[in-house]
Amino acid sequence: MAINNDNPNPVGCSLPLKGCLVACLLVMALFLGVLTYFSRMPSVQAMGVFKYNLQELSAAISRYEDVTGNRPQKLEGLAKQYLKDPSVLRCPLDKSVGDAPSYIYNPNATDDQVMLECGRHKIRKDMPNSRLVVLGSGKFEIRNPSFRQTIKEAEKHPR
């Protein structure tokens, strides 16, 4: 077999390029692994159902307000006439017995005040709960705990 000495650049990828490709593949695999881990957590899985529930409740409150001129004083007042599915009154993470609504409700909330709130959502057992809220304007927000609260909660759960 004859070697071509006329071409100083051999055909194929250089060693640094191959190393970069391997590093990129490892980072992508790690990212997919972390994404899969978080997507299997109950609080993350419940987030979609929870957001749907709050959107339905907000719409029902709005329909009630359009008909009566004011918001209902209790969420139970929405169940029969304004909600298609009364199960939206319960957070998917609420394991308590009974059919009382899971959410804290403030019928007098203005645009920037909290109208609906749920505090059952946490990413890990050693972290404080995140508060998921709907403001009086209908805007959905996730209010995560402060760094200090997270550290305090983590200290309660030694590994």
N, C-alpha and C. Protein backbone atom coordinates (compact mmCIF):
# COMPACT_ATOMS: atom_id res chain seq x y z
N MET A 1 0.85 -1.17 0.00
CA MET A 1 0.00 0.00 0.00
C MET A 1 0.89 1.23 0.00
N ALA A 2 0.60 2.14 -0.86
CA ALA A 2 1.43 3.34 -1.00
C ALA A 2 0.87 4.46 -0.15
N ILE A 3 1.74 5.20 0.51
CA ILE A 3 1.35 6.35 1.33
C ILE A 3 1.55 7.60 0.50
N ASN A 4 0.55 8.46 0.50
CA ASN A 4 0.61 9.71 -0.25
C ASN A 4 1.23 10.77 0.64
N ASN A 5 2.47 11.12 0.41
CA ASN A 5 3.16 12.13 1.21
C ASN A 5 2.94 13.53 0.69
N ASP A 6 2.24 13.68 -0.43
CA ASP A 6 2.01 15.01 -1.01
C ASP A 6 0.98 15.81 -0.20
N ASN A 7 0.02 15.13 0.49
CA ASN A 7 -1.05 15.81 1.24
C ASN A 7 -0.69 15.81 2.72
N PRO A 8 -0.33 16.99 3.29
CA PRO A 8 0.06 17.02 4.70
C PRO A 8 -1.12 16.85 5.65
N ASN A 9 -2.36 17.08 5.21
CA ASN A 9 -3.55 16.96 6.06
C ASN A 9 -4.23 15.62 5.79
N PRO A 10 -4.20 14.68 6.74
CA PRO A 10 -4.83 13.39 6.51
C PRO A 10 -6.35 13.54 6.46
N VAL A 11 -7.02 12.62 5.83
CA VAL A 11 -8.48 12.63 5.72
C VAL A 11 -9.07 12.17 7.05
N GLY A 12 -10.18 12.83 7.50
CA GLY A 12 -10.85 12.45 8.74
C GLY A 12 -10.82 13.58 9.76
N CYS A 13 -11.38 13.31 10.93
CA CYS A 13 -11.47 14.31 11.99
C CYS A 13 -10.18 14.36 12.80
N SER A 14 -9.88 15.54 13.28
CA SER A 14 -8.72 15.70 14.14
C SER A 14 -9.05 15.21 15.55
N LEU A 15 -8.06 14.94 16.33
CA LEU A 15 -8.25 14.47 17.70
C LEU A 15 -9.00 15.47 18.58
N PRO A 16 -8.69 16.79 18.52
CA PRO A 16 -9.46 17.75 19.32
C PRO A 16 -10.94 17.79 18.92
N LEU A 17 -11.22 17.65 17.63
CA LEU A 17 -12.62 17.66 17.19
C LEU A 17 -13.35 16.43 17.72
N LYS A 18 -12.70 15.29 17.67
CA LYS A 18 -13.31 14.07 18.21
C LYS A 18 -13.57 14.22 19.71
N GLY A 19 -12.63 14.80 20.43
CA GLY A 19 -12.83 15.03 21.87
C GLY A 19 -13.99 15.96 22.15
N CYS A 20 -14.12 16.99 21.34
CA CYS A 20 -15.24 17.94 21.50
C CYS A 20 -16.57 17.25 21.24
N LEU A 21 -16.64 16.41 20.22
CA LEU A 21 -17.88 15.67 19.92
C LEU A 21 -18.25 14.73 21.06
N VAL A 22 -17.27 14.03 21.62
CA VAL A 22 -17.53 13.12 22.74
C VAL A 22 -18.03 13.91 23.95
N ALA A 23 -17.41 15.06 24.24
CA ALA A 23 -17.84 15.90 25.36
C ALA A 23 -19.26 16.39 25.16
N CYS A 24 -19.59 16.80 23.94
CA CYS A 24 -20.96 17.26 23.64
C CYS A 24 -21.97 16.14 23.85
N LEU A 25 -21.64 14.95 23.41
CA LEU A 25 -22.54 13.80 23.59
C LEU A 25 -22.75 13.49 25.07
N LEU A 26 -21.69 13.57 25.86
CA LEU A 26 -21.81 13.32 27.30
C LEU A 26 -22.69 14.38 27.98
N VAL A 27 -22.52 15.63 27.61
CA VAL A 27 -23.33 16.71 28.19
C VAL A 27 -24.80 16.51 27.81
N MET A 28 -25.06 16.15 26.55
CA MET A 28 -26.44 15.93 26.12
C MET A 28 -27.06 14.75 26.86
N ALA A 29 -26.31 13.68 27.06
CA ALA A 29 -26.82 12.52 27.79
C ALA A 29 -27.12 12.88 29.24
N LEU A 30 -26.25 13.67 29.85
CA LEU A 30 -26.47 14.11 31.23
C LEU A 30 -27.73 14.98 31.32
N PHE A 31 -27.89 15.89 30.38
CA PHE A 31 -29.07 16.75 30.35
C PHE A 31 -30.35 15.92 30.22
N LEU A 32 -30.36 14.95 29.32
CA LEU A 32 -31.54 14.11 29.14
C LEU A 32 -31.82 13.28 30.40
N GLY A 33 -30.76 12.82 31.06
CA GLY A 33 -30.95 12.07 32.31
C GLY A 33 -31.58 12.92 33.40
N VAL A 34 -31.09 14.14 33.55
CA VAL A 34 -31.65 15.06 34.56
C VAL A 34 -33.09 15.41 34.21
N LEU A 35 -33.35 15.67 32.95
CA LEU A 35 -34.71 16.00 32.50
C LEU A 35 -35.67 14.85 32.79
N THR A 36 -35.23 13.63 32.53
CA THR A 36 -36.06 12.45 32.81
C THR A 36 -36.30 12.31 34.31
N TYR A 37 -35.27 12.53 35.11
CA TYR A 37 -35.40 12.43 36.57
C TYR A 37 -36.45 13.42 37.08
N PHE A 38 -36.35 14.68 36.67
CA PHE A 38 -37.29 15.69 37.16
C PHE A 38 -38.70 15.48 36.62
N SER A 39 -38.83 14.97 35.42
CA SER A 39 -40.17 14.78 34.87
C SER A 39 -40.93 13.65 35.56
N ARG A 40 -40.22 12.78 36.26
CA ARG A 40 -40.88 11.68 36.97
C ARG A 40 -41.27 12.05 38.39
N MET A 41 -40.89 13.21 38.88
CA MET A 41 -41.23 13.62 40.24
C MET A 41 -42.72 13.95 40.31
N PRO A 42 -43.41 13.51 41.37
CA PRO A 42 -44.84 13.75 41.47
C PRO A 42 -45.23 15.23 41.39
N SER A 43 -44.45 16.10 42.01
CA SER A 43 -44.81 17.51 41.99
C SER A 43 -44.68 18.10 40.60
N VAL A 44 -43.73 17.61 39.82
CA VAL A 44 -43.57 18.11 38.45
C VAL A 44 -44.68 17.55 37.57
N GLN A 45 -45.01 16.26 37.75
CA GLN A 45 -46.10 15.67 36.98
C GLN A 45 -47.43 16.34 37.30
N ALA A 46 -47.62 16.70 38.56
CA ALA A 46 -48.87 17.32 38.98
C ALA A 46 -48.98 18.77 38.50
N MET A 47 -47.86 19.37 38.11
CA MET A 47 -47.87 20.78 37.71
C MET A 47 -48.82 21.04 36.54
N GLY A 48 -48.83 20.18 35.55
CA GLY A 48 -49.71 20.37 34.39
C GLY A 48 -51.17 20.28 34.80
N VAL A 49 -51.51 19.28 35.62
CA VAL A 49 -52.89 19.13 36.10
C VAL A 49 -53.26 20.32 36.96
N PHE A 50 -52.32 20.72 37.81
CA PHE A 50 -52.59 21.84 38.71
C PHE A 50 -52.86 23.13 37.92
N LYS A 51 -52.03 23.40 36.93
CA LYS A 51 -52.20 24.62 36.14
C LYS A 51 -53.54 24.58 35.41
N TYR A 52 -53.91 23.42 34.87
CA TYR A 52 -55.21 23.28 34.22
C TYR A 52 -56.34 23.55 35.22
N ASN A 53 -56.22 22.98 36.44
CA ASN A 53 -57.24 23.20 37.47
C ASN A 53 -57.40 24.69 37.77
N LEU A 54 -56.28 25.39 37.94
CA LEU A 54 -56.37 26.82 38.26
C LEU A 54 -56.95 27.62 37.10
N GLN A 55 -56.63 27.23 35.87
CA GLN A 55 -57.22 27.92 34.72
C GLN A 55 -58.72 27.71 34.68
N GLU A 56 -59.17 26.49 34.95
CA GLU A 56 -60.60 26.20 34.98
C GLU A 56 -61.30 26.96 36.11
N LEU A 57 -60.67 26.99 37.29
CA LEU A 57 -61.26 27.74 38.41
C LEU A 57 -61.33 29.23 38.10
N SER A 58 -60.29 29.78 37.52
CA SER A 58 -60.29 31.20 37.17
C SER A 58 -61.39 31.50 36.17
N ALA A 59 -61.55 30.62 35.18
CA ALA A 59 -62.61 30.82 34.18
C ALA A 59 -63.99 30.72 34.83
N ALA A 60 -64.16 29.77 35.75
CA ALA A 60 -65.45 29.63 36.44
C ALA A 60 -65.76 30.84 37.31
N ILE A 61 -64.73 31.35 37.99
CA ILE A 61 -64.91 32.56 38.81
C ILE A 61 -65.30 33.73 37.91
N SER A 62 -64.66 33.82 36.76
CA SER A 62 -64.96 34.89 35.82
C SER A 62 -66.40 34.78 35.30
N ARG A 63 -66.83 33.55 34.97
CA ARG A 63 -68.22 33.35 34.51
C ARG A 63 -69.20 33.72 35.62
N TYR A 64 -68.90 33.31 36.85
CA TYR A 64 -69.76 33.64 37.99
C TYR A 64 -69.85 35.16 38.13
N GLU A 65 -68.71 35.82 38.03
CA GLU A 65 -68.66 37.28 38.18
C GLU A 65 -69.44 37.97 37.06
N ASP A 66 -69.37 37.43 35.84
CA ASP A 66 -70.13 38.01 34.72
C ASP A 66 -71.63 37.92 34.96
N VAL A 67 -72.08 36.81 35.54
CA VAL A 67 -73.52 36.59 35.75
C VAL A 67 -74.03 37.36 36.96
N THR A 68 -73.29 37.30 38.08
CA THR A 68 -73.80 37.87 39.33
C THR A 68 -73.27 39.27 39.64
N GLY A 69 -72.18 39.67 39.02
CA GLY A 69 -71.61 40.99 39.28
C GLY A 69 -70.54 40.99 40.36
N ASN A 70 -70.34 39.87 41.03
CA ASN A 70 -69.27 39.77 42.03
C ASN A 70 -68.75 38.34 42.07
N ARG A 71 -67.61 38.15 42.73
CA ARG A 71 -67.02 36.81 42.84
C ARG A 71 -67.75 36.02 43.92
N PRO A 72 -67.72 34.69 43.80
CA PRO A 72 -68.34 33.87 44.86
C PRO A 72 -67.54 34.01 46.15
N GLN A 73 -68.22 33.90 47.27
CA GLN A 73 -67.53 34.00 48.55
C GLN A 73 -66.75 32.73 48.88
N LYS A 74 -67.21 31.58 48.34
CA LYS A 74 -66.52 30.31 48.55
C LYS A 74 -66.42 29.58 47.22
N LEU A 75 -65.36 28.79 47.06
CA LEU A 75 -65.19 28.03 45.82
C LEU A 75 -66.26 26.97 45.63
N GLU A 76 -66.84 26.48 46.72
CA GLU A 76 -67.89 25.47 46.62
C GLU A 76 -69.09 26.00 45.84
N GLY A 77 -69.29 27.31 45.82
CA GLY A 77 -70.40 27.90 45.08
C GLY A 77 -70.28 27.75 43.57
N LEU A 78 -69.10 27.40 43.10
CA LEU A 78 -68.89 27.23 41.66
C LEU A 78 -69.23 25.83 41.17
N ALA A 79 -69.20 24.86 42.05
CA ALA A 79 -69.17 23.45 41.66
C ALA A 79 -70.32 23.03 40.75
N LYS A 80 -71.52 23.35 41.05
CA LYS A 80 -72.64 22.80 40.30
C LYS A 80 -72.90 23.51 38.97
N GLN A 81 -72.92 24.80 39.00
CA GLN A 81 -73.38 25.54 37.83
C GLN A 81 -72.25 26.05 36.93
N TYR A 82 -71.08 26.34 37.48
CA TYR A 82 -70.04 27.01 36.71
C TYR A 82 -68.83 26.14 36.37
N LEU A 83 -68.75 24.96 36.97
CA LEU A 83 -67.64 24.04 36.68
C LEU A 83 -68.15 22.80 35.99
N LYS A 84 -67.49 22.41 34.91
CA LYS A 84 -67.85 21.17 34.22
C LYS A 84 -67.42 19.97 35.05
N ASP A 85 -66.25 20.09 35.68
CA ASP A 85 -65.68 18.99 36.46
C ASP A 85 -65.31 19.49 37.85
N PRO A 86 -66.09 19.14 38.88
CA PRO A 86 -65.80 19.62 40.24
C PRO A 86 -64.47 19.12 40.81
N SER A 87 -63.84 18.14 40.18
CA SER A 87 -62.57 17.63 40.70
C SER A 87 -61.45 18.67 40.57
N VAL A 88 -61.65 19.72 39.79
CA VAL A 88 -60.62 20.76 39.68
C VAL A 88 -60.49 21.57 40.96
N LEU A 89 -61.42 21.38 41.89
CA LEU A 89 -61.34 22.07 43.18
C LEU A 89 -60.27 21.46 44.09
N ARG A 90 -59.71 20.31 43.69
CA ARG A 90 -58.71 19.62 44.50
C ARG A 90 -57.37 19.61 43.80
N CYS A 91 -56.32 19.91 44.54
CA CYS A 91 -54.95 19.83 44.02
C CYS A 91 -54.59 18.36 43.83
N PRO A 92 -53.90 18.00 42.74
CA PRO A 92 -53.53 16.60 42.55
C PRO A 92 -52.60 16.05 43.64
N LEU A 93 -51.94 16.94 44.39
CA LEU A 93 -51.05 16.49 45.47
C LEU A 93 -51.75 16.46 46.83
N ASP A 94 -53.01 16.86 46.87
CA ASP A 94 -53.75 16.88 48.14
C ASP A 94 -54.22 15.47 48.47
N LYS A 95 -53.68 14.91 49.53
CA LYS A 95 -54.02 13.55 49.95
C LYS A 95 -55.00 13.53 51.12
N SER A 96 -55.54 14.68 51.49
CA SER A 96 -56.47 14.72 52.61
C SER A 96 -57.81 14.10 52.22
N VAL A 97 -58.54 13.65 53.23
CA VAL A 97 -59.83 13.01 53.02
C VAL A 97 -60.90 14.09 52.89
N GLY A 98 -61.88 13.82 52.07
CA GLY A 98 -62.98 14.76 51.88
C GLY A 98 -62.92 15.40 50.52
N ASP A 99 -63.92 16.24 50.27
CA ASP A 99 -63.97 16.89 48.96
C ASP A 99 -63.93 18.42 49.07
N ALA A 100 -63.44 18.92 50.19
CA ALA A 100 -63.29 20.36 50.35
C ALA A 100 -62.22 20.87 49.38
N PRO A 101 -62.37 22.08 48.86
CA PRO A 101 -61.36 22.61 47.94
C PRO A 101 -59.97 22.66 48.59
N SER A 102 -58.97 22.42 47.78
CA SER A 102 -57.58 22.39 48.26
C SER A 102 -56.95 23.77 48.30
N TYR A 103 -57.53 24.70 47.62
CA TYR A 103 -56.86 25.98 47.39
C TYR A 103 -57.34 27.05 48.36
N ILE A 104 -56.42 27.95 48.69
CA ILE A 104 -56.76 29.12 49.49
C ILE A 104 -57.34 30.14 48.51
N TYR A 105 -58.48 30.69 48.85
CA TYR A 105 -59.21 31.57 47.93
C TYR A 105 -59.50 32.90 48.60
N ASN A 106 -59.21 33.99 47.90
CA ASN A 106 -59.50 35.34 48.37
C ASN A 106 -60.42 36.00 47.35
N PRO A 107 -61.74 36.06 47.64
CA PRO A 107 -62.68 36.63 46.67
C PRO A 107 -62.51 38.14 46.47
N ASN A 108 -61.83 38.80 47.39
CA ASN A 108 -61.68 40.26 47.31
C ASN A 108 -60.35 40.70 46.70
N ALA A 109 -59.63 39.78 46.07
CA ALA A 109 -58.30 40.09 45.52
C ALA A 109 -58.42 41.09 44.36
N THR A 110 -57.53 42.07 44.38
CA THR A 110 -57.45 43.01 43.25
C THR A 110 -56.46 42.44 42.23
N ASP A 111 -56.17 43.21 41.20
CA ASP A 111 -55.34 42.73 40.09
C ASP A 111 -54.00 42.13 40.51
N ASP A 112 -53.31 42.75 41.46
CA ASP A 112 -51.97 42.28 41.84
C ASP A 112 -51.95 41.48 43.13
N GLN A 113 -53.11 41.17 43.69
CA GLN A 113 -53.18 40.36 44.91
C GLN A 113 -53.49 38.91 44.56
N VAL A 114 -53.15 38.01 45.48
CA VAL A 114 -53.37 36.58 45.26
C VAL A 114 -54.84 36.24 45.43
N MET A 115 -55.43 35.64 44.38
CA MET A 115 -56.83 35.21 44.43
C MET A 115 -56.91 33.71 44.78
N LEU A 116 -56.09 32.88 44.13
CA LEU A 116 -56.04 31.44 44.40
C LEU A 116 -54.61 31.05 44.71
N GLU A 117 -54.44 30.14 45.67
CA GLU A 117 -53.09 29.75 46.06
C GLU A 117 -53.06 28.29 46.49
N CYS A 118 -51.96 27.62 46.14
CA CYS A 118 -51.70 26.25 46.60
C CYS A 118 -50.24 26.20 47.04
N GLY A 119 -49.99 25.66 48.22
CA GLY A 119 -48.63 25.59 48.75
C GLY A 119 -48.14 24.18 48.96
N ARG A 120 -48.64 23.23 48.18
CA ARG A 120 -48.26 21.82 48.36
C ARG A 120 -47.12 21.37 47.46
N HIS A 121 -46.58 22.23 46.65
CA HIS A 121 -45.64 21.81 45.62
C HIS A 121 -44.19 22.01 46.05
N LYS A 122 -43.46 20.92 46.07
CA LYS A 122 -42.03 21.00 46.36
C LYS A 122 -41.32 20.04 45.41
N ILE A 123 -40.12 20.45 45.01
CA ILE A 123 -39.36 19.65 44.07
C ILE A 123 -38.76 18.43 44.76
N ARG A 124 -38.21 18.63 45.95
CA ARG A 124 -37.62 17.54 46.72
C ARG A 124 -38.10 17.61 48.15
N LYS A 125 -37.99 16.51 48.86
CA LYS A 125 -38.47 16.44 50.25
C LYS A 125 -37.71 17.39 51.17
N ASP A 126 -36.46 17.67 50.86
CA ASP A 126 -35.67 18.54 51.74
C ASP A 126 -35.72 20.00 51.31
N MET A 127 -36.70 20.35 50.51
CA MET A 127 -36.85 21.75 50.07
C MET A 127 -38.21 22.27 50.54
N PRO A 128 -38.31 23.57 50.78
CA PRO A 128 -39.62 24.13 51.17
C PRO A 128 -40.58 24.13 49.98
N ASN A 129 -41.86 24.24 50.27
CA ASN A 129 -42.87 24.26 49.23
C ASN A 129 -42.82 25.54 48.42
N SER A 130 -43.10 25.40 47.14
CA SER A 130 -43.30 26.56 46.28
C SER A 130 -44.78 26.92 46.35
N ARG A 131 -45.07 28.19 46.26
CA ARG A 131 -46.46 28.64 46.25
C ARG A 131 -46.86 28.91 44.81
N LEU A 132 -47.92 28.26 44.36
CA LEU A 132 -48.44 28.49 43.03
C LEU A 132 -49.71 29.33 43.20
N VAL A 133 -49.75 30.45 42.50
CA VAL A 133 -50.83 31.40 42.73
C VAL A 133 -51.45 31.88 41.42
N VAL A 134 -52.69 32.33 41.53
CA VAL A 134 -53.36 33.07 40.46
C VAL A 134 -53.72 34.41 41.07
N LEU A 135 -53.30 35.47 40.40
CA LEU A 135 -53.60 36.81 40.88
C LEU A 135 -55.02 37.21 40.48
N GLY A 136 -55.50 38.29 41.06
CA GLY A 136 -56.84 38.79 40.74
C GLY A 136 -57.00 39.11 39.27
N SER A 137 -55.91 39.41 38.60
CA SER A 137 -55.95 39.71 37.16
C SER A 137 -56.02 38.44 36.31
N GLY A 138 -55.86 37.25 36.94
CA GLY A 138 -55.89 35.99 36.21
C GLY A 138 -54.51 35.47 35.85
N LYS A 139 -53.46 36.20 36.21
CA LYS A 139 -52.09 35.79 35.88
C LYS A 139 -51.63 34.66 36.81
N PHE A 140 -51.01 33.64 36.22
CA PHE A 140 -50.49 32.49 36.97
C PHE A 140 -49.03 32.74 37.32
N GLU A 141 -48.63 32.47 38.57
CA GLU A 141 -47.25 32.66 39.00
C GLU A 141 -46.80 31.50 39.89
N ILE A 142 -45.51 31.23 39.84
CA ILE A 142 -44.88 30.30 40.77
C ILE A 142 -43.98 31.13 41.66
N ARG A 143 -44.23 31.11 42.95
CA ARG A 143 -43.42 31.87 43.90
C ARG A 143 -42.56 30.90 44.69
N ASN A 144 -41.31 30.86 44.29
CA ASN A 144 -40.36 29.94 44.92
C ASN A 144 -39.85 30.51 46.23
N PRO A 145 -39.48 29.64 47.16
CA PRO A 145 -38.95 30.11 48.44
C PRO A 145 -37.60 30.80 48.25
N SER A 146 -37.26 31.63 49.21
CA SER A 146 -35.98 32.34 49.15
C SER A 146 -34.84 31.36 49.41
N PHE A 147 -33.64 31.80 49.13
CA PHE A 147 -32.46 30.97 49.36
C PHE A 147 -32.34 30.60 50.83
N ARG A 148 -32.61 31.55 51.72
CA ARG A 148 -32.53 31.28 53.17
C ARG A 148 -33.52 30.21 53.60
N GLN A 149 -34.76 30.30 53.07
CA GLN A 149 -35.76 29.29 53.41
C GLN A 149 -35.33 27.91 52.92
N THR A 150 -34.72 27.85 51.74
CA THR A 150 -34.26 26.58 51.19
C THR A 150 -33.17 25.98 52.05
N ILE A 151 -32.22 26.81 52.50
CA ILE A 151 -31.13 26.33 53.36
C ILE A 151 -31.69 25.85 54.70
N LYS A 152 -32.62 26.59 55.29
CA LYS A 152 -33.22 26.20 56.57
C LYS A 152 -33.90 24.83 56.46
N GLU A 153 -34.67 24.65 55.39
CA GLU A 153 -35.38 23.39 55.19
C GLU A 153 -34.40 22.24 54.96
N ALA A 154 -33.33 22.49 54.23
CA ALA A 154 -32.33 21.45 53.96
C ALA A 154 -31.63 21.03 55.25
N GLU A 155 -31.44 21.96 56.19
CA GLU A 155 -30.79 21.63 57.46
C GLU A 155 -31.66 20.73 58.32
N LYS A 156 -32.97 20.76 58.12
CA LYS A 156 -33.88 19.92 58.88
C LYS A 156 -33.80 18.46 58.42
N HIS A 157 -33.32 18.24 57.21
CA HIS A 157 -33.27 16.90 56.63
C HIS A 157 -31.82 16.50 56.35
N PRO A 158 -31.08 16.09 57.39
CA PRO A 158 -29.69 15.69 57.14
C PRO A 158 -29.64 14.44 56.28
N ARG A 159 -28.60 14.35 55.47
CA ARG A 159 -28.48 13.21 54.55
C ARG A 159 -27.76 12.09 55.20
